[in-house]
């Protein structure tokens, strides 16, 4: 027997007519009729006498109604138990975010989250790789993305910003006006040209790109060694005492910051608790993320 057929049977028992059951279930009356017929075929009995004034249960229908009511009560009890357990602030929670977010912003604040929710066991996966929340590789993702997957839901906060950084000695050694070709950008993607689009809105548009260094941590170390200009998020560059902003231009908005989860998890208490906490942490760090300098 199909549970949808059983639910339809119970609504016909309660309403007395196919149309009343259809209205209660939010389906077409033909769907109700079809489900009742399917159930009768599965059981090999007639459950209702069809009369002009409505459906009247046979003795077999009355017996099924008792069993269906008992089963429905048990199912509701199980559903409440599951929902209640899921709404308890306990269990495990897996969160994915970029390592600079985890170490620079969340680590100092995690004690307050753990104190507020001692029953939660937290796992933070620090990776730039986009773990698949839809496949439960993570419960929550903090992502920098202008087009997150349609399968995820959550909140867009604001865009982080990027600007140009370099070692002050490197800047002093270069003649960017007369000999820009002697300077270099440190590249971070496969080059399509020596002068990619991301350099053209800067005052170093005539400086060629050199190399391919996808790791921001590696770019930082190379820039600190005086090897070239880098374009990185302000929250990472401004925290490096040996680097300076190489331009007076305002930092440029990059990608949006999102707090995301799967739609099936969004109302889970432990997921909601961390998403609220994450929003607080990120908004508290908005000035750094958007490159605002202290007055």
C-alpha atoms as a PDB file:
ATOM      1  CA  UNK A   1       0.000   0.000   0.000  1.00  0.00           C
ATOM      2  CA  UNK A   2       1.111   3.505  -0.810  1.00  0.00           C
ATOM      3  CA  UNK A   3       1.054   5.982   2.083  1.00  0.00           C
ATOM      4  CA  UNK A   4      -0.359   8.699  -0.198  1.00  0.00           C
ATOM      5  CA  UNK A   5      -3.273   6.375  -0.935  1.00  0.00           C
ATOM      6  CA  UNK A   6      -3.798   5.820   2.797  1.00  0.00           C
ATOM      7  CA  UNK A   7      -3.805   9.560   3.479  1.00  0.00           C
ATOM      8  CA  UNK A   8      -6.312  10.047   0.683  1.00  0.00           C
ATOM      9  CA  UNK A   9      -8.481   7.261   2.131  1.00  0.00           C
ATOM     10  CA  UNK A  10      -8.476   8.974   5.551  1.00  0.00           C
ATOM     11  CA  UNK A  11      -9.499  12.311   4.027  1.00  0.00           C
ATOM     12  CA  UNK A  12     -12.392  10.674   2.174  1.00  0.00           C
ATOM     13  CA  UNK A  13     -13.442   9.026   5.442  1.00  0.00           C
ATOM     14  CA  UNK A  14     -13.326  12.397   7.212  1.00  0.00           C
ATOM     15  CA  UNK A  15     -14.921  14.472   4.446  1.00  0.00           C
ATOM     16  CA  UNK A  16     -17.392  11.978   3.092  1.00  0.00           C
ATOM     17  CA  UNK A  17     -16.926  13.076  -0.527  1.00  0.00           C
ATOM     18  CA  UNK A  18     -14.187  13.039  -3.124  1.00  0.00           C
ATOM     19  CA  UNK A  19     -14.367  16.820  -3.588  1.00  0.00           C
ATOM     20  CA  UNK A  20     -14.017  17.495   0.131  1.00  0.00           C
ATOM     21  CA  UNK A  21     -10.979  15.213   0.282  1.00  0.00           C
ATOM     22  CA  UNK A  22      -9.478  16.867  -2.807  1.00  0.00           C
ATOM     23  CA  UNK A  23      -9.888  20.310  -1.273  1.00  0.00           C
ATOM     24  CA  UNK A  24      -8.270  19.212   1.969  1.00  0.00           C
ATOM     25  CA  UNK A  25      -5.331  17.591   0.185  1.00  0.00           C
ATOM     26  CA  UNK A  26      -4.936  20.359  -2.387  1.00  0.00           C
ATOM     27  CA  UNK A  27      -5.238  17.993  -5.353  1.00  0.00           C
ATOM     28  CA  UNK A  28      -7.702  17.440  -8.198  1.00  0.00           C
ATOM     29  CA  UNK A  29     -10.738  15.299  -7.406  1.00  0.00           C
ATOM     30  CA  UNK A  30      -9.717  12.840 -10.124  1.00  0.00           C
ATOM     31  CA  UNK A  31      -6.486  12.223  -8.192  1.00  0.00           C
ATOM     32  CA  UNK A  32      -8.505  11.290  -5.110  1.00  0.00           C
ATOM     33  CA  UNK A  33     -10.654   8.877  -7.105  1.00  0.00           C
ATOM     34  CA  UNK A  34      -7.612   7.276  -8.686  1.00  0.00           C
ATOM     35  CA  UNK A  35      -5.846   6.774  -5.348  1.00  0.00           C
ATOM     36  CA  UNK A  36      -8.915   5.161  -3.792  1.00  0.00           C
ATOM     37  CA  UNK A  37      -9.177   2.798  -6.746  1.00  0.00           C
ATOM     38  CA  UNK A  38      -5.465   1.952  -6.448  1.00  0.00           C
ATOM     39  CA  UNK A  39      -5.870   1.174  -2.773  1.00  0.00           C
ATOM     40  CA  UNK A  40      -8.895  -1.043  -3.378  1.00  0.00           C
ATOM     41  CA  UNK A  41      -7.007  -2.917  -6.083  1.00  0.00           C
ATOM     42  CA  UNK A  42      -4.006  -3.395  -3.793  1.00  0.00           C
ATOM     43  CA  UNK A  43      -6.212  -4.787  -1.010  1.00  0.00           C
ATOM     44  CA  UNK A  44      -8.629  -6.672  -3.259  1.00  0.00           C
ATOM     45  CA  UNK A  45     -11.671  -5.221  -1.463  1.00  0.00           C
ATOM     46  CA  UNK A  46     -14.216  -2.446  -1.869  1.00  0.00           C
ATOM     47  CA  UNK A  47     -13.633   0.274   0.706  1.00  0.00           C
ATOM     48  CA  UNK A  48     -16.540   2.598  -0.098  1.00  0.00           C
ATOM     49  CA  UNK A  49     -20.065   2.443  -1.422  1.00  0.00           C
ATOM     50  CA  UNK A  50     -20.342   5.169  -4.040  1.00  0.00           C
ATOM     51  CA  UNK A  51     -23.636   7.002  -3.650  1.00  0.00           C
ATOM     52  CA  UNK A  52     -24.814  10.315  -5.164  1.00  0.00           C
ATOM     53  CA  UNK A  53     -24.612  11.978  -1.757  1.00  0.00           C
ATOM     54  CA  UNK A  54     -21.088  10.764  -1.038  1.00  0.00           C
ATOM     55  CA  UNK A  55     -18.754   7.878  -0.180  1.00  0.00           C
ATOM     56  CA  UNK A  56     -19.800   5.515   2.629  1.00  0.00           C
ATOM     57  CA  UNK A  57     -17.292   3.024   4.071  1.00  0.00           C
ATOM     58  CA  UNK A  58     -17.868  -0.699   3.803  1.00  0.00           C
ATOM     59  CA  UNK A  59     -16.954  -2.988   6.700  1.00  0.00           C
ATOM     60  CA  UNK A  60     -13.522  -3.392   5.095  1.00  0.00           C
ATOM     61  CA  UNK A  61     -13.239   0.381   4.904  1.00  0.00           C
ATOM     62  CA  UNK A  62     -14.092   0.723   8.592  1.00  0.00           C
ATOM     63  CA  UNK A  63     -11.422  -1.838   9.516  1.00  0.00           C
ATOM     64  CA  UNK A  64      -8.817  -0.003   7.432  1.00  0.00           C
ATOM     65  CA  UNK A  65      -9.818   3.311   8.991  1.00  0.00           C
ATOM     66  CA  UNK A  66      -8.962   1.988  12.477  1.00  0.00           C
ATOM     67  CA  UNK A  67      -5.571   0.706  11.316  1.00  0.00           C
ATOM     68  CA  UNK A  68      -4.824   3.849   9.296  1.00  0.00           C
ATOM     69  CA  UNK A  69      -5.646   6.087  12.258  1.00  0.00           C
ATOM     70  CA  UNK A  70      -3.318   4.115  14.521  1.00  0.00           C
ATOM     71  CA  UNK A  71      -0.551   4.190  11.956  1.00  0.00           C
ATOM     72  CA  UNK A  72      -0.984   7.935  11.372  1.00  0.00           C
ATOM     73  CA  UNK A  73      -0.742   8.592  15.119  1.00  0.00           C
ATOM     74  CA  UNK A  74       2.472   6.589  15.337  1.00  0.00           C
ATOM     75  CA  UNK A  75       3.908   8.371  12.306  1.00  0.00           C
ATOM     76  CA  UNK A  76       3.107  11.772  13.789  1.00  0.00           C
ATOM     77  CA  UNK A  77       4.822  10.742  17.016  1.00  0.00           C
ATOM     78  CA  UNK A  78       7.942   9.706  15.127  1.00  0.00           C
ATOM     79  CA  UNK A  79       7.919  12.939  13.113  1.00  0.00           C
ATOM     80  CA  UNK A  80       7.678  15.033  16.261  1.00  0.00           C
ATOM     81  CA  UNK A  81      10.489  13.054  17.848  1.00  0.00           C
ATOM     82  CA  UNK A  82      12.725  13.521  14.820  1.00  0.00           C
ATOM     83  CA  UNK A  83      11.897  17.215  14.553  1.00  0.00           C
ATOM     84  CA  UNK A  84      12.472  17.702  18.255  1.00  0.00           C
ATOM     85  CA  UNK A  85      15.819  15.945  18.160  1.00  0.00           C
ATOM     86  CA  UNK A  86      16.843  17.952  15.112  1.00  0.00           C
ATOM     87  CA  UNK A  87      15.864  21.165  16.872  1.00  0.00           C
ATOM     88  CA  UNK A  88      18.064  20.374  19.836  1.00  0.00           C
ATOM     89  CA  UNK A  89      21.302  22.337  19.812  1.00  0.00           C
ATOM     90  CA  UNK A  90      23.446  19.229  19.849  1.00  0.00           C
ATOM     91  CA  UNK A  91      25.159  16.944  17.391  1.00  0.00           C
ATOM     92  CA  UNK A  92      27.812  17.668  14.788  1.00  0.00           C
ATOM     93  CA  UNK A  93      28.109  20.525  12.345  1.00  0.00           C
ATOM     94  CA  UNK A  94      30.470  20.730   9.376  1.00  0.00           C
ATOM     95  CA  UNK A  95      31.365  24.161   7.994  1.00  0.00           C
ATOM     96  CA  UNK A  96      33.557  25.015   5.024  1.00  0.00           C
ATOM     97  CA  UNK A  97      35.279  28.373   4.509  1.00  0.00           C
ATOM     98  CA  UNK A  98      38.520  29.816   3.196  1.00  0.00           C
ATOM     99  CA  UNK A  99      41.418  29.520   5.618  1.00  0.00           C
ATOM    100  CA  UNK A 100      41.942  33.304   6.012  1.00  0.00           C
ATOM    101  CA  UNK A 101      38.354  33.598   7.211  1.00  0.00           C
ATOM    102  CA  UNK A 102      38.790  30.729   9.659  1.00  0.00           C
ATOM    103  CA  UNK A 103      42.093  31.863  11.157  1.00  0.00           C
ATOM    104  CA  UNK A 104      41.704  35.635  10.895  1.00  0.00           C
ATOM    105  CA  UNK A 105      38.083  36.121  11.947  1.00  0.00           C
ATOM    106  CA  UNK A 106      36.389  32.993  13.253  1.00  0.00           C
ATOM    107  CA  UNK A 107      39.100  31.433  15.439  1.00  0.00           C
ATOM    108  CA  UNK A 108      39.135  34.330  17.943  1.00  0.00           C
ATOM    109  CA  UNK A 109      35.339  34.199  18.203  1.00  0.00           C
ATOM    110  CA  UNK A 110      34.798  30.443  18.419  1.00  0.00           C
ATOM    111  CA  UNK A 111      35.081  30.327  22.230  1.00  0.00           C
ATOM    112  CA  UNK A 112      31.886  32.361  22.548  1.00  0.00           C
ATOM    113  CA  UNK A 113      30.049  30.057  20.132  1.00  0.00           C
ATOM    114  CA  UNK A 114      31.233  26.941  21.962  1.00  0.00           C
ATOM    115  CA  UNK A 115      30.235  28.443  25.307  1.00  0.00           C
ATOM    116  CA  UNK A 116      26.749  29.256  23.989  1.00  0.00           C
ATOM    117  CA  UNK A 117      26.258  25.810  22.396  1.00  0.00           C
ATOM    118  CA  UNK A 118      28.306  23.264  24.371  1.00  0.00           C
ATOM    119  CA  UNK A 119      26.360  20.362  22.888  1.00  0.00           C
ATOM    120  CA  UNK A 120      27.523  21.077  19.347  1.00  0.00           C
ATOM    121  CA  UNK A 121      30.611  19.430  17.928  1.00  0.00           C
ATOM    122  CA  UNK A 122      32.048  21.701  15.253  1.00  0.00           C
ATOM    123  CA  UNK A 123      34.198  20.759  12.271  1.00  0.00           C
ATOM    124  CA  UNK A 124      35.632  23.550  10.120  1.00  0.00           C
ATOM    125  CA  UNK A 125      37.075  22.620   6.752  1.00  0.00           C
ATOM    126  CA  UNK A 126      39.506  25.306   5.619  1.00  0.00           C
ATOM    127  CA  UNK A 127      39.711  25.150   1.871  1.00  0.00           C
ATOM    128  CA  UNK A 128      39.268  27.304  -1.190  1.00  0.00           C
ATOM    129  CA  UNK A 129      37.762  24.239  -2.876  1.00  0.00           C
ATOM    130  CA  UNK A 130      33.986  24.451  -3.223  1.00  0.00           C
ATOM    131  CA  UNK A 131      32.748  21.499  -1.203  1.00  0.00           C
ATOM    132  CA  UNK A 132      29.338  20.269  -2.286  1.00  0.00           C
ATOM    133  CA  UNK A 133      26.804  21.200   0.389  1.00  0.00           C
ATOM    134  CA  UNK A 134      24.026  19.577  -1.642  1.00  0.00           C
ATOM    135  CA  UNK A 135      25.856  16.242  -1.300  1.00  0.00           C
ATOM    136  CA  UNK A 136      26.420  16.817   2.445  1.00  0.00           C
ATOM    137  CA  UNK A 137      30.174  17.306   2.120  1.00  0.00           C
ATOM    138  CA  UNK A 138      29.446  20.244   4.426  1.00  0.00           C
ATOM    139  CA  UNK A 139      26.376  21.561   6.237  1.00  0.00           C
ATOM    140  CA  UNK A 140      27.232  25.257   5.856  1.00  0.00           C
ATOM    141  CA  UNK A 141      29.460  27.066   3.376  1.00  0.00           C
ATOM    142  CA  UNK A 142      30.859  30.572   3.684  1.00  0.00           C
ATOM    143  CA  UNK A 143      31.670  31.430   0.111  1.00  0.00           C
ATOM    144  CA  UNK A 144      32.972  34.277  -1.958  1.00  0.00           C
ATOM    145  CA  UNK A 145      30.873  33.947  -5.066  1.00  0.00           C
ATOM    146  CA  UNK A 146      28.712  36.189  -7.232  1.00  0.00           C
ATOM    147  CA  UNK A 147      26.661  33.241  -8.508  1.00  0.00           C
ATOM    148  CA  UNK A 148      26.207  30.537  -5.872  1.00  0.00           C
ATOM    149  CA  UNK A 149      24.494  27.276  -6.904  1.00  0.00           C
ATOM    150  CA  UNK A 150      20.705  27.352  -7.179  1.00  0.00           C
ATOM    151  CA  UNK A 151      20.530  24.288  -4.937  1.00  0.00           C
ATOM    152  CA  UNK A 152      21.732  26.341  -1.944  1.00  0.00           C
ATOM    153  CA  UNK A 153      19.949  28.974   0.113  1.00  0.00           C
ATOM    154  CA  UNK A 154      21.222  31.560   2.520  1.00  0.00           C
ATOM    155  CA  UNK A 155      22.156  35.196   2.848  1.00  0.00           C
ATOM    156  CA  UNK A 156      24.333  37.525   0.799  1.00  0.00           C
ATOM    157  CA  UNK A 157      26.163  39.986   3.022  1.00  0.00           C
ATOM    158  CA  UNK A 158      28.471  42.321   1.100  1.00  0.00           C
ATOM    159  CA  UNK A 159      31.400  42.213  -1.297  1.00  0.00           C
ATOM    160  CA  UNK A 160      34.943  41.977  -0.016  1.00  0.00           C
ATOM    161  CA  UNK A 161      37.482  44.255  -1.699  1.00  0.00           C
ATOM    162  CA  UNK A 162      40.914  43.853  -3.243  1.00  0.00           C
ATOM    163  CA  UNK A 163      43.769  46.224  -3.980  1.00  0.00           C
ATOM    164  CA  UNK A 164      47.444  46.246  -4.946  1.00  0.00           C
ATOM    165  CA  UNK A 165      50.213  45.426  -2.460  1.00  0.00           C
ATOM    166  CA  UNK A 166      53.986  45.284  -2.614  1.00  0.00           C
ATOM    167  CA  UNK A 167      57.065  45.596  -0.447  1.00  0.00           C
ATOM    168  CA  UNK A 168      58.022  49.274  -0.042  1.00  0.00           C
ATOM    169  CA  UNK A 169      61.583  48.565  -1.198  1.00  0.00           C
ATOM    170  CA  UNK A 170      60.238  47.032  -4.398  1.00  0.00           C
ATOM    171  CA  UNK A 171      58.134  50.104  -5.106  1.00  0.00           C
ATOM    172  CA  UNK A 172      61.115  52.394  -4.492  1.00  0.00           C
ATOM    173  CA  UNK A 173      63.244  50.458  -6.976  1.00  0.00           C
ATOM    174  CA  UNK A 174      60.785  50.657  -9.876  1.00  0.00           C
ATOM    175  CA  UNK A 175      60.170  53.379 -12.459  1.00  0.00           C
ATOM    176  CA  UNK A 176      56.567  52.579 -13.309  1.00  0.00           C
ATOM    177  CA  UNK A 177      56.198  55.603 -15.588  1.00  0.00           C
ATOM    178  CA  UNK A 178      59.282  55.309 -17.824  1.00  0.00           C
ATOM    179  CA  UNK A 179      60.109  51.610 -17.527  1.00  0.00           C
ATOM    180  CA  UNK A 180      57.007  49.662 -16.505  1.00  0.00           C
ATOM    181  CA  UNK A 181      58.317  46.632 -18.406  1.00  0.00           C
ATOM    182  CA  UNK A 182      61.024  46.180 -15.785  1.00  0.00           C
ATOM    183  CA  UNK A 183      58.442  45.641 -13.061  1.00  0.00           C
ATOM    184  CA  UNK A 184      56.153  42.646 -12.709  1.00  0.00           C
ATOM    185  CA  UNK A 185      52.767  41.560 -11.468  1.00  0.00           C
ATOM    186  CA  UNK A 186      52.747  38.172  -9.796  1.00  0.00           C
ATOM    187  CA  UNK A 187      50.144  36.183 -11.725  1.00  0.00           C
ATOM    188  CA  UNK A 188      47.498  33.941 -10.170  1.00  0.00           C
ATOM    189  CA  UNK A 189      45.855  32.288 -13.149  1.00  0.00           C
ATOM    190  CA  UNK A 190      46.802  30.894 -16.508  1.00  0.00           C
ATOM    191  CA  UNK A 191      47.759  33.909 -18.579  1.00  0.00           C
ATOM    192  CA  UNK A 192      45.754  34.848 -21.621  1.00  0.00           C
ATOM    193  CA  UNK A 193      48.076  37.780 -22.160  1.00  0.00           C
ATOM    194  CA  UNK A 194      50.799  39.644 -20.302  1.00  0.00           C
ATOM    195  CA  UNK A 195      48.298  42.431 -19.602  1.00  0.00           C
ATOM    196  CA  UNK A 196      45.066  40.740 -18.378  1.00  0.00           C
ATOM    197  CA  UNK A 197      41.873  42.609 -17.599  1.00  0.00           C
ATOM    198  CA  UNK A 198      42.370  42.581 -13.834  1.00  0.00           C
ATOM    199  CA  UNK A 199      45.434  44.830 -14.195  1.00  0.00           C
ATOM    200  CA  UNK A 200      43.908  47.347 -16.586  1.00  0.00           C
ATOM    201  CA  UNK A 201      41.880  49.364 -14.091  1.00  0.00           C
ATOM    202  CA  UNK A 202      44.965  50.049 -12.006  1.00  0.00           C
ATOM    203  CA  UNK A 203      47.774  52.570 -12.435  1.00  0.00           C
ATOM    204  CA  UNK A 204      50.043  49.631 -13.264  1.00  0.00           C
ATOM    205  CA  UNK A 205      48.267  48.668 -16.490  1.00  0.00           C
ATOM    206  CA  UNK A 206      51.545  48.678 -18.456  1.00  0.00           C
ATOM    207  CA  UNK A 207      53.294  46.342 -16.034  1.00  0.00           C
ATOM    208  CA  UNK A 208      53.398  42.769 -17.398  1.00  0.00           C
ATOM    209  CA  UNK A 209      52.225  39.702 -15.495  1.00  0.00           C
ATOM    210  CA  UNK A 210      54.814  37.095 -14.631  1.00  0.00           C
ATOM    211  CA  UNK A 211      54.243  33.527 -13.465  1.00  0.00           C
ATOM    212  CA  UNK A 212      51.218  31.681 -12.134  1.00  0.00           C
ATOM    213  CA  UNK A 213      50.837  31.407  -8.363  1.00  0.00           C
ATOM    214  CA  UNK A 214      47.331  30.344  -7.401  1.00  0.00           C
ATOM    215  CA  UNK A 215      48.025  30.302  -3.657  1.00  0.00           C
ATOM    216  CA  UNK A 216      47.430  33.669  -1.992  1.00  0.00           C
ATOM    217  CA  UNK A 217      49.760  32.623   0.834  1.00  0.00           C
ATOM    218  CA  UNK A 218      52.505  32.046  -1.726  1.00  0.00           C
ATOM    219  CA  UNK A 219      51.833  35.398  -3.392  1.00  0.00           C
ATOM    220  CA  UNK A 220      52.151  37.115  -0.029  1.00  0.00           C
ATOM    221  CA  UNK A 221      55.500  35.492   0.693  1.00  0.00           C
ATOM    222  CA  UNK A 222      56.813  36.358  -2.764  1.00  0.00           C
ATOM    223  CA  UNK A 223      55.679  39.975  -2.428  1.00  0.00           C
ATOM    224  CA  UNK A 224      57.323  40.201   0.989  1.00  0.00           C
ATOM    225  CA  UNK A 225      60.500  38.977  -0.678  1.00  0.00           C
ATOM    226  CA  UNK A 226      60.303  41.924  -3.083  1.00  0.00           C
ATOM    227  CA  UNK A 227      59.377  39.961  -6.184  1.00  0.00           C
ATOM    228  CA  UNK A 228      56.497  42.079  -7.519  1.00  0.00           C
ATOM    229  CA  UNK A 229      52.999  43.518  -7.240  1.00  0.00           C
ATOM    230  CA  UNK A 230      50.083  41.433  -6.057  1.00  0.00           C
ATOM    231  CA  UNK A 231      46.323  41.930  -6.202  1.00  0.00           C
ATOM    232  CA  UNK A 232      44.787  40.323  -3.119  1.00  0.00           C
ATOM    233  CA  UNK A 233      41.901  40.833  -0.652  1.00  0.00           C
ATOM    234  CA  UNK A 234      42.406  43.761   1.707  1.00  0.00           C
ATOM    235  CA  UNK A 235      41.793  41.631   4.772  1.00  0.00           C
ATOM    236  CA  UNK A 236      44.927  39.656   3.915  1.00  0.00           C
ATOM    237  CA  UNK A 237      47.161  42.428   2.592  1.00  0.00           C
ATOM    238  CA  UNK A 238      46.431  44.960   5.320  1.00  0.00           C
ATOM    239  CA  UNK A 239      47.497  42.448   7.977  1.00  0.00           C
ATOM    240  CA  UNK A 240      51.032  42.168   6.563  1.00  0.00           C
ATOM    241  CA  UNK A 241      53.338  44.666   8.287  1.00  0.00           C
ATOM    242  CA  UNK A 242      56.041  44.293   5.640  1.00  0.00           C
ATOM    243  CA  UNK A 243      53.675  45.162   2.757  1.00  0.00           C
ATOM    244  CA  UNK A 244      52.018  48.435   1.816  1.00  0.00           C
ATOM    245  CA  UNK A 245      49.214  49.393  -0.502  1.00  0.00           C
ATOM    246  CA  UNK A 246      50.835  50.280  -3.786  1.00  0.00           C
ATOM    247  CA  UNK A 247      48.064  52.633  -4.893  1.00  0.00           C
ATOM    248  CA  UNK A 248      45.999  55.504  -3.567  1.00  0.00           C
ATOM    249  CA  UNK A 249      42.942  54.256  -5.453  1.00  0.00           C
ATOM    250  CA  UNK A 250      40.053  52.974  -3.374  1.00  0.00           C
ATOM    251  CA  UNK A 251      39.907  49.178  -3.051  1.00  0.00           C
ATOM    252  CA  UNK A 252      37.653  47.570  -5.618  1.00  0.00           C
ATOM    253  CA  UNK A 253      34.689  45.326  -4.750  1.00  0.00           C
ATOM    254  CA  UNK A 254      35.343  41.740  -5.726  1.00  0.00           C
ATOM    255  CA  UNK A 255      33.012  38.826  -5.065  1.00  0.00           C
ATOM    256  CA  UNK A 256      30.037  38.721  -2.692  1.00  0.00           C
ATOM    257  CA  UNK A 257      30.269  36.936   0.643  1.00  0.00           C
ATOM    258  CA  UNK A 258      27.510  34.373   1.166  1.00  0.00           C
ATOM    259  CA  UNK A 259      26.488  32.158   4.082  1.00  0.00           C
ATOM    260  CA  UNK A 260      24.871  29.125   2.468  1.00  0.00           C
ATOM    261  CA  UNK A 261      23.257  25.823   3.320  1.00  0.00           C
ATOM    262  CA  UNK A 262      20.937  23.343   1.644  1.00  0.00           C
ATOM    263  CA  UNK A 263      17.221  24.104   1.708  1.00  0.00           C
ATOM    264  CA  UNK A 264      16.577  20.883   3.644  1.00  0.00           C
ATOM    265  CA  UNK A 265      18.837  22.122   6.470  1.00  0.00           C
ATOM    266  CA  UNK A 266      17.992  25.815   6.696  1.00  0.00           C
ATOM    267  CA  UNK A 267      15.496  25.412   9.558  1.00  0.00           C
ATOM    268  CA  UNK A 268      17.625  22.996  11.564  1.00  0.00           C
ATOM    269  CA  UNK A 269      18.415  24.625  14.892  1.00  0.00           C
ATOM    270  CA  UNK A 270      22.138  23.907  14.899  1.00  0.00           C
ATOM    271  CA  UNK A 271      22.509  25.140  11.314  1.00  0.00           C
ATOM    272  CA  UNK A 272      20.570  28.313  12.024  1.00  0.00           C
ATOM    273  CA  UNK A 273      22.609  28.915  15.193  1.00  0.00           C
ATOM    274  CA  UNK A 274      25.916  28.848  13.333  1.00  0.00           C
ATOM    275  CA  UNK A 275      24.619  30.841  10.370  1.00  0.00           C
ATOM    276  CA  UNK A 276      23.481  33.592  12.754  1.00  0.00           C
ATOM    277  CA  UNK A 277      26.851  33.460  14.520  1.00  0.00           C
ATOM    278  CA  UNK A 278      28.709  33.580  11.187  1.00  0.00           C
ATOM    279  CA  UNK A 279      26.759  36.633  10.073  1.00  0.00           C
ATOM    280  CA  UNK A 280      27.645  38.419  13.301  1.00  0.00           C
ATOM    281  CA  UNK A 281      31.344  37.615  12.899  1.00  0.00           C
ATOM    282  CA  UNK A 282      31.447  38.709   9.266  1.00  0.00           C
ATOM    283  CA  UNK A 283      29.557  41.950   9.885  1.00  0.00           C
ATOM    284  CA  UNK A 284      31.823  42.737  12.825  1.00  0.00           C
ATOM    285  CA  UNK A 285      34.751  42.400  10.406  1.00  0.00           C
ATOM    286  CA  UNK A 286      33.098  44.287   7.549  1.00  0.00           C
ATOM    287  CA  UNK A 287      35.516  47.220   7.805  1.00  0.00           C
ATOM    288  CA  UNK A 288      38.511  44.941   7.261  1.00  0.00           C
ATOM    289  CA  UNK A 289      36.801  42.898   4.575  1.00  0.00           C
ATOM    290  CA  UNK A 290      35.923  46.017   2.611  1.00  0.00           C
ATOM    291  CA  UNK A 291      39.314  47.654   3.055  1.00  0.00           C
ATOM    292  CA  UNK A 292      38.263  50.540   5.259  1.00  0.00           C
ATOM    293  CA  UNK A 293      41.209  52.095   7.021  1.00  0.00           C
ATOM    294  CA  UNK A 294      40.872  53.418  10.574  1.00  0.00           C
ATOM    295  CA  UNK A 295      40.385  57.180  10.784  1.00  0.00           C
END
